[in-house]
Amino acid sequence: MTSRMVRVFVNGSGVDVPAGSAALDAVQAWNGDAAGEVAAGTRLITDSRGLPIDAKTPMSAGSILRLIANRGTSAADSEQ
């Protein structure tokens, strides 16, 4: 039995992943280095509206993901 594949879009590029794959799996299919940056916390995955999503979010056909730099807050910001 083969897994059903779904097409999702990462930074405008279509990739095919097994149905139910996590957002991070889709990023990995698009670019392994970028997936490593997400895992390390230097990049965030956002949905099509630009809202951050969890890397474990299950993908469905037509999901749109974008990667952005994780600017976070610096230690100086948190002291104020």
C-alpha atoms as a PDB file:
ATOM      1  CA  MET A   1       0.000   0.000   0.000  1.00  0.00           C
ATOM      2  CA  THR A   2       1.410   3.374  -0.965  1.00  0.00           C
ATOM      3  CA  SER A   3       0.965   6.565   0.970  1.00  0.00           C
ATOM      4  CA  ARG A   4      -1.089   9.290  -0.641  1.00  0.00           C
ATOM      5  CA  MET A   5       1.093  12.250  -1.531  1.00  0.00           C
ATOM      6  CA  VAL A   6      -0.058  15.852  -1.196  1.00  0.00           C
ATOM      7  CA  ARG A   7       1.366  18.962  -2.805  1.00  0.00           C
ATOM      8  CA  VAL A   8       2.338  21.766  -0.423  1.00  0.00           C
ATOM      9  CA  PHE A   9       4.200  24.981  -1.101  1.00  0.00           C
ATOM     10  CA  VAL A  10       7.277  26.184   0.749  1.00  0.00           C
ATOM     11  CA  ASN A  11       8.509  29.679  -0.114  1.00  0.00           C
ATOM     12  CA  GLY A  12       6.642  29.444  -3.415  1.00  0.00           C
ATOM     13  CA  SER A  13       8.040  26.050  -4.467  1.00  0.00           C
ATOM     14  CA  GLY A  14       5.793  23.017  -4.690  1.00  0.00           C
ATOM     15  CA  VAL A  15       6.909  19.845  -2.912  1.00  0.00           C
ATOM     16  CA  ASP A  16       5.160  16.507  -2.543  1.00  0.00           C
ATOM     17  CA  VAL A  17       5.017  14.919   0.911  1.00  0.00           C
ATOM     18  CA  PRO A  18       3.029  12.011   2.341  1.00  0.00           C
ATOM     19  CA  ALA A  19      -0.420  13.030   3.612  1.00  0.00           C
ATOM     20  CA  GLY A  20      -0.225  13.944   7.305  1.00  0.00           C
ATOM     21  CA  SER A  21       3.433  14.988   7.181  1.00  0.00           C
ATOM     22  CA  ALA A  22       4.482  17.751   9.550  1.00  0.00           C
ATOM     23  CA  ALA A  23       5.373  21.259   8.410  1.00  0.00           C
ATOM     24  CA  LEU A  24       9.027  20.537   9.182  1.00  0.00           C
ATOM     25  CA  ASP A  25       8.881  17.489   6.880  1.00  0.00           C
ATOM     26  CA  ALA A  26       7.673  19.733   4.073  1.00  0.00           C
ATOM     27  CA  VAL A  27      10.498  22.190   4.722  1.00  0.00           C
ATOM     28  CA  GLN A  28      12.952  19.255   4.730  1.00  0.00           C
ATOM     29  CA  ALA A  29      11.622  18.118   1.348  1.00  0.00           C
ATOM     30  CA  TRP A  30      12.174  21.652   0.038  1.00  0.00           C
ATOM     31  CA  ASN A  31      15.600  22.373   1.554  1.00  0.00           C
ATOM     32  CA  GLY A  32      17.481  20.332   4.155  1.00  0.00           C
ATOM     33  CA  ASP A  33      19.597  23.263   5.323  1.00  0.00           C
ATOM     34  CA  ALA A  34      16.502  25.387   5.923  1.00  0.00           C
ATOM     35  CA  ALA A  35      14.941  22.545   7.935  1.00  0.00           C
ATOM     36  CA  GLY A  36      18.079  22.465  10.077  1.00  0.00           C
ATOM     37  CA  GLU A  37      17.733  26.204  10.701  1.00  0.00           C
ATOM     38  CA  VAL A  38      14.109  25.709  11.800  1.00  0.00           C
ATOM     39  CA  ALA A  39      15.170  22.882  14.124  1.00  0.00           C
ATOM     40  CA  ALA A  40      17.936  25.099  15.528  1.00  0.00           C
ATOM     41  CA  GLY A  41      15.485  27.956  16.110  1.00  0.00           C
ATOM     42  CA  THR A  42      17.070  30.483  13.757  1.00  0.00           C
ATOM     43  CA  ARG A  43      14.116  30.362  11.343  1.00  0.00           C
ATOM     44  CA  LEU A  44      10.363  30.096  11.895  1.00  0.00           C
ATOM     45  CA  ILE A  45       7.686  28.481   9.767  1.00  0.00           C
ATOM     46  CA  THR A  46       4.668  30.674   9.045  1.00  0.00           C
ATOM     47  CA  ASP A  47       1.372  29.990   7.304  1.00  0.00           C
ATOM     48  CA  SER A  48       0.160  31.820   4.212  1.00  0.00           C
ATOM     49  CA  ARG A  49      -0.914  34.776   6.387  1.00  0.00           C
ATOM     50  CA  GLY A  50       2.523  35.120   7.967  1.00  0.00           C
ATOM     51  CA  LEU A  51       1.444  33.720  11.342  1.00  0.00           C
ATOM     52  CA  PRO A  52       3.955  31.382  13.011  1.00  0.00           C
ATOM     53  CA  ILE A  53       2.937  27.724  13.154  1.00  0.00           C
ATOM     54  CA  ASP A  54       4.367  24.791  15.065  1.00  0.00           C
ATOM     55  CA  ALA A  55       6.807  22.640  13.088  1.00  0.00           C
ATOM     56  CA  LYS A  56       4.651  19.608  13.982  1.00  0.00           C
ATOM     57  CA  THR A  57       1.522  21.022  12.297  1.00  0.00           C
ATOM     58  CA  PRO A  58       0.114  18.389   9.900  1.00  0.00           C
ATOM     59  CA  MET A  59       0.065  19.359   6.247  1.00  0.00           C
ATOM     60  CA  SER A  60      -2.870  19.038   3.878  1.00  0.00           C
ATOM     61  CA  ALA A  61      -3.004  19.465   0.117  1.00  0.00           C
ATOM     62  CA  GLY A  62      -2.366  23.069  -0.852  1.00  0.00           C
ATOM     63  CA  SER A  63      -0.778  24.168   2.445  1.00  0.00           C
ATOM     64  CA  ILE A  64       1.364  27.262   2.003  1.00  0.00           C
ATOM     65  CA  LEU A  65       4.411  27.771   4.202  1.00  0.00           C
ATOM     66  CA  ARG A  66       6.923  30.570   4.366  1.00  0.00           C
ATOM     67  CA  LEU A  67      10.165  30.724   6.307  1.00  0.00           C
ATOM     68  CA  ILE A  68      11.252  33.831   8.147  1.00  0.00           C
ATOM     69  CA  ALA A  69      14.180  34.718  10.369  1.00  0.00           C
ATOM     70  CA  ASN A  70      13.512  34.206  14.063  1.00  0.00           C
ATOM     71  CA  ARG A  71      14.289  37.651  15.385  1.00  0.00           C
ATOM     72  CA  GLY A  72      13.013  36.824  18.884  1.00  0.00           C
ATOM     73  CA  THR A  73      13.723  39.218  21.709  1.00  0.00           C
ATOM     74  CA  SER A  74      17.172  40.001  22.934  1.00  0.00           C
ATOM     75  CA  ALA A  75      18.194  39.859  26.589  1.00  0.00           C
ATOM     76  CA  ALA A  76      18.227  43.661  26.662  1.00  0.00           C
ATOM     77  CA  ASP A  77      14.593  43.768  25.491  1.00  0.00           C
ATOM     78  CA  SER A  78      13.441  41.374  28.204  1.00  0.00           C
ATOM     79  CA  GLU A  79      15.050  43.477  30.978  1.00  0.00           C
ATOM     80  CA  GLN A  80      12.837  46.498  30.239  1.00  0.00           C
END
